[in-house]
Protein backbone atom coordinates (compact mmCIF):
# COMPACT_ATOMS: atom_id res chain seq x y z
CA MET A 1 7.80 7.39 62.75
CA LYS A 2 9.44 10.30 61.14
CA LYS A 3 11.69 7.86 59.18
CA MET A 4 8.55 5.81 58.05
CA LYS A 5 6.75 9.03 57.00
CA LYS A 6 9.89 9.99 54.99
CA SER A 7 10.15 6.72 53.39
CA LEU A 8 6.55 6.47 52.49
CA LYS A 9 6.85 10.13 50.92
CA ILE A 10 9.93 9.01 48.91
CA ILE A 11 7.97 5.93 47.77
CA LEU A 12 4.76 8.01 46.79
CA ILE A 13 7.01 10.56 44.93
CA SER A 14 8.76 7.63 43.03
CA VAL A 15 5.46 5.95 42.17
CA GLY A 16 4.27 9.46 40.97
CA ILE A 17 7.32 9.85 38.83
CA ILE A 18 6.91 6.35 37.24
CA ALA A 19 3.22 7.11 36.66
CA VAL A 20 3.96 10.23 34.81
CA SER A 21 6.70 8.62 32.90
CA VAL A 22 4.37 5.85 31.78
CA GLY A 23 1.81 8.40 31.01
CA ILE A 24 4.24 10.52 28.87
CA ALA A 25 5.32 7.14 27.14
CA ILE A 26 1.71 6.25 26.28
CA VAL A 27 0.87 9.67 24.91
CA PHE A 28 4.09 9.64 22.95
CA ILE A 29 3.11 6.29 21.35
CA PHE A 30 -0.35 7.28 20.47
CA TRP A 31 1.02 10.64 19.10
CA LYS A 32 3.62 8.87 17.13
CA MET A 33 1.01 6.46 15.62
CA GLY A 34 -0.60 9.50 14.12
CA GLN A 35 2.60 10.67 12.57
CA PRO A 36 3.96 9.34 9.22
CA LEU A 37 6.87 6.98 9.66
CA TYR A 38 7.77 7.49 6.10
CA THR A 39 9.01 10.82 5.07
CA PHE A 40 9.53 12.03 1.46
CA GLY A 41 12.97 11.69 0.23
CA SER A 42 14.23 9.21 2.78
CA VAL A 43 14.51 6.33 0.40
CA SER A 44 16.43 8.04 -2.34
CA GLU A 45 18.74 9.20 0.38
CA GLY A 46 19.21 5.73 1.73
CA ASN A 47 17.62 6.51 5.14
CA ASN A 48 15.83 4.21 7.56
CA LEU A 49 16.27 1.20 5.25
CA ARG A 50 17.10 -2.29 6.35
CA SER A 51 19.61 -2.94 3.59
CA PRO A 52 21.20 -0.91 0.72
CA LEU A 53 19.31 -0.06 -2.50
CA GLN A 54 21.81 -2.15 -4.52
CA PRO A 55 20.22 -5.59 -4.56
CA PRO A 56 22.36 -8.75 -3.80
CA LYS A 57 23.57 -11.13 -6.46
CA GLN A 58 20.55 -12.75 -8.22
CA ASN A 59 20.98 -16.59 -8.23
CA ASP A 60 17.49 -17.67 -8.83
CA SER A 61 15.57 -16.70 -12.03
CA THR A 62 12.13 -17.39 -10.55
CA VAL A 63 12.32 -14.69 -7.81
CA TRP A 64 13.88 -11.20 -7.35
CA LYS A 65 16.17 -11.18 -4.28
CA MET A 66 15.75 -7.81 -2.50
CA GLU A 67 17.82 -8.57 0.54
CA SER A 68 19.74 -11.58 1.78
CA ASP A 69 16.53 -12.94 3.52
CA ILE A 70 13.85 -11.39 1.48
CA SER A 71 12.67 -12.54 -2.11
CA LEU A 72 9.84 -11.48 -4.21
CA HIS A 73 7.82 -13.74 -6.25
CA PHE A 74 6.61 -12.61 -9.58
CA ASP A 75 4.75 -13.56 -12.77
CA VAL A 76 5.67 -12.29 -16.10
CA TYR A 77 3.28 -12.22 -19.17
CA GLY A 78 4.32 -11.23 -22.61
CA ASN A 79 7.62 -10.57 -24.45
CA GLY A 80 9.03 -7.24 -24.90
CA HIS A 81 9.98 -4.10 -23.03
CA PRO A 82 9.65 -4.56 -19.22
CA VAL A 83 6.64 -3.04 -17.49
CA VAL A 84 6.40 -3.29 -13.68
CA ILE A 85 2.95 -3.59 -12.15
CA VAL A 86 2.51 -2.65 -8.46
CA HIS A 87 -0.46 -4.34 -6.89
CA GLY A 88 -3.00 -2.66 -4.39
CA GLY A 89 -4.70 -3.96 -1.17
CA PRO A 90 -2.48 -2.99 0.58
CA GLY A 91 -0.92 -6.43 0.42
CA ILE A 92 -3.30 -8.07 -1.98
CA PRO A 93 -1.60 -9.50 -5.33
CA TYR A 94 -3.47 -10.35 -8.30
CA ALA A 95 -4.67 -14.05 -9.05
CA ASN A 96 -4.29 -13.51 -12.90
CA ALA A 97 -2.95 -11.09 -15.50
CA TRP A 98 -5.03 -8.04 -16.28
CA LYS A 99 -7.37 -8.63 -19.24
CA GLY A 100 -6.82 -5.15 -20.27
CA LEU A 101 -3.17 -5.81 -20.94
CA LYS A 102 -3.32 -8.95 -22.91
CA PRO A 103 -3.33 -7.14 -26.41
CA LEU A 104 -0.18 -5.63 -25.36
CA GLU A 105 1.66 -8.69 -24.47
CA ASP A 106 3.41 -9.13 -27.96
CA ARG A 107 5.26 -5.79 -27.26
CA PHE A 108 5.63 -5.61 -23.56
CA SER A 109 6.61 -7.96 -20.68
CA PHE A 110 4.32 -7.34 -17.68
CA TYR A 111 5.89 -8.18 -14.39
CA TYR A 112 3.28 -8.73 -11.68
CA TYR A 113 5.24 -9.07 -8.56
CA HIS A 114 4.02 -9.82 -5.00
CA GLN A 115 5.20 -7.16 -2.52
CA ARG A 116 7.24 -8.26 0.43
CA GLY A 117 5.18 -9.76 3.08
CA ALA A 118 2.25 -10.68 0.84
CA GLY A 119 1.32 -13.56 -1.57
CA LYS A 120 4.17 -15.87 -2.38
CA SER A 121 6.81 -13.45 -1.49
CA THR A 122 8.89 -13.59 1.72
CA ARG A 123 7.16 -12.84 5.00
CA PRO A 124 9.93 -11.53 7.19
CA ILE A 125 7.79 -11.17 10.31
CA THR A 126 5.36 -13.67 11.67
CA SER A 127 4.93 -12.21 15.20
CA PHE A 128 6.41 -9.93 17.81
CA GLU A 129 7.75 -11.16 21.02
CA SER A 130 8.92 -7.92 22.46
CA LYS A 131 6.33 -5.63 24.17
CA ASN A 132 8.40 -2.53 23.29
CA TYR A 133 5.85 -0.73 21.11
CA PRO A 134 8.21 1.97 19.60
CA LYS A 135 10.97 -0.74 18.95
CA ASN A 136 8.26 -2.97 17.18
CA VAL A 137 6.96 -0.06 15.15
CA SER A 138 10.55 0.84 14.04
CA LYS A 139 11.32 -2.81 13.00
CA LEU A 140 8.02 -2.90 11.06
CA GLU A 141 8.56 0.34 9.24
CA GLN A 142 12.14 -0.86 8.09
CA THR A 143 11.11 -4.36 7.19
CA LEU A 144 7.66 -3.89 5.52
CA GLY A 145 6.70 -0.18 5.53
CA ILE A 146 6.24 2.14 2.48
CA GLY A 147 10.01 3.06 2.48
CA ALA A 148 10.84 -0.59 2.02
CA GLN A 149 8.21 -1.07 -0.70
CA ILE A 150 9.55 1.80 -2.46
CA ALA A 151 13.08 0.66 -2.21
CA ASP A 152 12.06 -2.68 -3.72
CA ILE A 153 10.88 -0.84 -6.93
CA GLU A 154 14.21 0.65 -7.21
CA ARG A 155 15.91 -2.66 -6.63
CA ILE A 156 13.64 -4.22 -9.21
CA ARG A 157 14.67 -1.47 -11.82
CA ARG A 158 18.44 -2.34 -11.07
CA ILE A 159 17.75 -6.08 -11.53
CA LEU A 160 15.87 -5.41 -14.80
CA ASN A 161 19.01 -3.29 -15.88
CA GLU A 162 16.71 -0.59 -16.95
CA GLU A 163 17.83 3.17 -17.05
CA LYS A 164 14.23 4.05 -16.73
CA ILE A 165 11.05 1.83 -16.10
CA LEU A 166 7.57 1.87 -17.13
CA LEU A 167 5.57 1.77 -14.02
CA VAL A 168 1.85 0.86 -13.38
CA GLY A 169 0.31 0.98 -9.90
CA HIS A 170 -3.30 0.13 -8.92
CA SER A 171 -5.14 1.45 -6.05
CA PHE A 172 -2.70 1.50 -3.00
CA GLY A 173 -0.18 0.23 -5.35
CA GLY A 174 -0.80 3.50 -7.28
CA PHE A 175 0.09 5.42 -4.10
CA ILE A 176 3.34 3.51 -3.72
CA ALA A 177 4.20 3.92 -7.48
CA ALA A 178 3.57 7.65 -7.27
CA LEU A 179 5.95 7.93 -4.42
CA TYR A 180 8.56 6.08 -6.19
CA ALA A 181 8.28 8.31 -9.06
CA SER A 182 8.44 11.33 -6.72
CA GLU A 183 11.56 10.07 -5.11
CA PHE A 184 13.30 8.78 -8.34
CA PRO A 185 11.79 11.17 -10.93
CA ASP A 186 14.67 10.43 -13.43
CA LYS A 187 14.08 6.77 -13.25
CA VAL A 188 10.69 6.49 -14.48
CA ASP A 189 9.77 6.52 -18.27
CA LYS A 190 6.12 6.74 -18.07
CA LEU A 191 3.77 6.45 -15.11
CA ILE A 192 0.31 4.86 -15.13
CA LEU A 193 -2.01 5.09 -12.06
CA VAL A 194 -5.16 3.03 -12.02
CA ALA A 195 -7.69 4.36 -9.48
CA PRO A 196 -4.86 5.31 -7.25
CA ALA A 197 -5.58 5.37 -3.44
CA GLY A 198 -6.64 8.69 -2.02
CA MET A 199 -3.62 8.84 0.37
CA LEU A 200 -2.03 12.14 -0.62
CA SER A 201 -3.86 13.98 2.20
CA PRO A 202 -5.71 13.29 5.47
CA PRO A 203 -9.13 11.56 5.09
CA GLN A 204 -12.07 13.79 5.86
CA LYS A 205 -13.79 12.63 9.05
CA GLY A 206 -16.75 10.44 8.32
CA ASN A 207 -16.06 10.34 4.58
CA ASP A 208 -13.10 8.05 4.17
CA PHE A 209 -12.72 4.87 2.14
CA PHE A 210 -14.15 2.82 4.91
CA ASP A 211 -17.06 5.07 5.62
CA ALA A 212 -17.92 5.11 1.94
CA VAL A 213 -17.97 1.41 1.63
CA ARG A 214 -20.28 1.32 4.80
CA ARG A 215 -22.75 3.52 3.07
CA ARG A 216 -23.17 0.93 0.30
CA LEU A 217 -23.51 -2.18 2.39
CA PRO A 218 -26.71 -3.85 3.04
CA PHE A 219 -28.19 -2.80 6.55
CA GLU A 220 -27.85 -6.40 8.09
CA ASP A 221 -24.22 -6.36 7.22
CA LEU A 222 -23.37 -3.18 9.12
CA PRO A 223 -22.93 -4.60 12.74
CA ASN A 224 -20.37 -7.12 11.69
CA TYR A 225 -18.73 -4.63 9.37
CA ASP A 226 -18.46 -2.13 12.17
CA SER A 227 -16.95 -4.58 14.49
CA LEU A 228 -14.21 -5.63 11.75
CA VAL A 229 -13.25 -2.04 11.14
CA LYS A 230 -12.97 -1.36 14.84
CA GLU A 231 -10.64 -4.37 15.32
CA TYR A 232 -8.88 -3.63 12.06
CA PHE A 233 -7.74 -0.22 13.40
CA ASN A 234 -7.12 -1.31 16.95
CA PHE A 235 -3.36 -0.55 16.57
CA GLY A 236 -3.07 -0.34 20.45
CA GLY A 237 -3.04 -4.12 20.79
CA ILE A 238 -1.81 -5.01 17.21
CA PHE A 239 1.47 -6.52 18.35
CA SER A 240 -0.25 -9.32 20.24
CA LYS A 241 -1.37 -10.65 16.90
CA THR A 242 0.50 -12.96 14.42
CA ASP A 243 0.85 -12.55 10.69
CA ASN A 244 -1.80 -15.28 10.20
CA ASP A 245 -4.24 -13.46 12.54
CA LEU A 246 -3.87 -10.34 10.39
CA VAL A 247 -4.35 -12.23 7.24
CA ASP A 248 -7.44 -13.67 8.38
CA LEU A 249 -8.67 -10.18 9.38
CA GLN A 250 -7.72 -8.87 6.00
CA LYS A 251 -9.82 -11.58 4.25
CA GLU A 252 -12.83 -10.86 6.56
CA ILE A 253 -12.75 -7.20 5.83
CA SER A 254 -11.94 -7.45 2.10
CA HIS A 255 -15.24 -9.42 1.68
CA TYR A 256 -17.28 -6.26 2.78
CA LEU A 257 -14.98 -3.94 0.76
CA LEU A 258 -15.55 -5.81 -2.41
CA VAL A 259 -19.30 -5.87 -1.89
CA GLY A 260 -19.24 -2.09 -1.19
CA MET A 261 -17.43 -1.50 -4.31
CA GLY A 262 -20.06 -3.50 -6.47
CA TYR A 263 -18.21 -6.72 -6.83
CA ASP A 264 -18.64 -10.41 -5.93
CA SER A 265 -16.59 -11.19 -2.92
CA SER A 266 -15.86 -14.62 -4.10
CA VAL A 267 -12.95 -13.45 -6.14
CA MET A 268 -11.02 -13.34 -3.10
CA SER A 269 -10.99 -17.19 -2.76
CA SER A 270 -8.81 -17.37 -5.80
CA SER A 271 -6.28 -14.63 -4.81
CA PRO A 272 -2.86 -15.35 -3.40
CA THR A 273 -2.80 -15.09 0.38
CA PRO A 274 -3.02 -11.42 1.30
CA GLY A 275 -0.51 -9.49 3.41
CA GLY A 276 -0.67 -9.75 7.13
CA TRP A 277 2.06 -7.42 8.70
CA SER A 278 2.76 -5.94 5.34
CA THR A 279 -0.72 -4.51 5.27
CA PHE A 280 -0.63 -2.92 8.64
CA ALA A 281 2.93 -1.73 8.11
CA VAL A 282 1.89 0.79 5.48
CA TYR A 283 -0.79 2.23 7.65
CA PHE A 284 1.96 3.01 10.35
CA SER A 285 3.95 4.46 7.54
CA THR A 286 1.45 7.07 6.59
CA GLY A 287 -0.03 7.70 10.16
CA LYS A 288 -3.40 9.14 10.61
CA SER A 289 -2.49 12.34 8.68
CA PRO A 290 -0.83 11.74 5.41
CA ASN A 291 0.63 14.63 3.31
CA TYR A 292 2.06 13.87 0.23
CA GLN A 293 0.77 16.38 -2.17
CA ASP A 294 4.03 18.27 -2.26
CA ALA A 295 5.79 15.02 -2.85
CA VAL A 296 4.23 14.08 -6.00
CA ALA A 297 4.73 17.42 -7.33
CA HIS A 298 8.33 16.15 -7.87
CA ILE A 299 7.11 13.52 -10.59
CA THR A 300 8.44 14.52 -14.02
CA ALA A 301 7.49 11.51 -15.84
CA PRO A 302 4.42 11.67 -18.29
CA THR A 303 1.64 10.35 -16.02
CA LEU A 304 -1.72 8.68 -17.06
CA ILE A 305 -4.43 8.38 -14.39
CA ILE A 306 -7.21 5.81 -15.33
CA HIS A 307 -10.54 5.62 -13.53
CA GLY A 308 -13.76 3.81 -13.92
CA ASP A 309 -16.90 5.80 -14.36
CA ASP A 310 -18.75 3.82 -11.65
CA ASP A 311 -15.91 3.87 -9.08
CA ASN A 312 -17.24 6.87 -7.12
CA ILE A 313 -15.67 5.59 -3.80
CA SER A 314 -11.98 6.44 -4.97
CA LEU A 315 -12.81 9.30 -7.41
CA ASN A 316 -11.77 12.07 -5.18
CA GLY A 317 -8.38 10.35 -4.75
CA SER A 318 -7.71 10.08 -8.47
CA GLN A 319 -8.63 13.72 -8.99
CA GLU A 320 -6.19 14.74 -6.29
CA TYR A 321 -3.31 13.02 -8.06
CA GLU A 322 -4.51 14.69 -11.30
CA LYS A 323 -4.25 18.14 -9.39
CA PHE A 324 -0.88 17.87 -7.88
CA ILE A 325 1.04 15.71 -10.41
CA PRO A 326 2.49 18.13 -13.06
CA ASN A 327 0.96 17.63 -16.47
CA ALA A 328 -0.99 14.46 -15.45
CA LYS A 329 -3.72 13.40 -17.84
CA PHE A 330 -6.96 11.93 -16.14
CA VAL A 331 -9.16 9.47 -18.16
CA SER A 332 -12.51 8.07 -16.93
CA ILE A 333 -13.71 4.98 -18.67
CA GLY A 334 -17.17 3.56 -19.14
CA CYS A 335 -17.84 -0.04 -20.43
CA SER A 336 -19.65 -0.33 -23.62
CA GLU A 337 -21.95 -3.09 -22.37
CA ILE A 338 -24.78 -1.62 -20.20
CA SER A 339 -24.73 -4.49 -17.77
CA SER A 340 -20.98 -4.22 -16.93
CA VAL A 341 -19.82 -2.16 -14.05
CA SER A 342 -17.04 0.28 -14.71
CA GLY A 343 -15.32 -0.09 -11.32
CA HIS A 344 -12.29 -0.27 -9.20
CA PHE A 345 -10.89 -3.03 -11.41
CA ILE A 346 -11.47 -1.24 -14.59
CA PHE A 347 -8.60 -3.35 -16.38
CA ASP A 348 -10.84 -6.33 -16.07
CA ASP A 349 -14.15 -4.60 -16.17
CA CYS A 350 -13.68 -2.78 -19.46
CA PRO A 351 -10.56 -4.53 -20.98
CA GLU A 352 -10.89 -3.23 -24.55
CA LYS A 353 -11.36 0.24 -23.58
CA PHE A 354 -8.68 -0.02 -21.00
CA SER A 355 -6.17 -1.31 -23.60
CA GLU A 356 -7.01 1.31 -26.20
CA ILE A 357 -6.27 4.19 -23.68
CA LEU A 358 -3.22 2.63 -22.54
CA THR A 359 -2.02 1.98 -26.06
CA ASP A 360 -2.35 5.54 -27.00
CA PHE A 361 -0.54 6.77 -23.97
CA LEU A 362 2.39 4.31 -24.34
CA PHE A 363 2.97 5.05 -27.94
CA ASP A 364 2.28 8.77 -27.92
């Protein structure tokens, strides 16, 4: 009887230890989810990268080869000095060239590339078989996270054989472009940020981008929107999903985001397939409390921030970049036509004015 009690005690202690260990693991995972996986300076130092910054030999002129198994699709318009365009989303490439850049195509070649994991570029992750959450997060960060996206811009610069590049980033792409210019300040000639995503500091509770969109949606759309946002940020069960699952989720929520920003959501139907895992990888990269204000203070390139007069949702973000990037110039544009919205896609909303502002900056 004593032996049975002793055995039972040992079992209970063992179960208790396992339960505590599992509890600690769960707490660690959720704590880790809140911490940024990308840290400033890691890319330029070559840390936490899947492959070296030096790209492999380029043997196909229609794509840029970033790693042995990852290539980036790009469309180029114009003929002249190269300009690299970093799309937003995250993970949503453009269907067409920007109208506001058309007048400059006789002097510049504009490269619109699809970020890894999005559009027509390589999608290196389709699903996760492992249930090891920390291991999956690490793989996601190294393969598709912000560090990988920044590294790709440096590889593109080397492929183009440019000592310094002209870099344009829109929305979330503006955030990535700004971080590249922070990590590689001597490799950027001029930096143009168009309505850059407000990711330099933690969002204010109840007043982030998704909350701002919600306040602009029709009442009847709110139940479905709230349900989608909840699923969108359900990172606890995310590794049971496939890339296609996340693409579908991105398409669904983008419909409401466009409506909230004052646009017709049908524009999504002609866009390249958005990112799946690449979209959510960058959320893991920044964590719940991003803090990159000190990082962008390292930017030395002349910087122009362009914003649409009617784009109130992302205004605070653009103003934050102006505040922390040394000598940044902020310009807000309004369309001359009364009926036109001067919104988040200001390069297409007000192309003539956008082109005029950009020309003055590039040739200053």
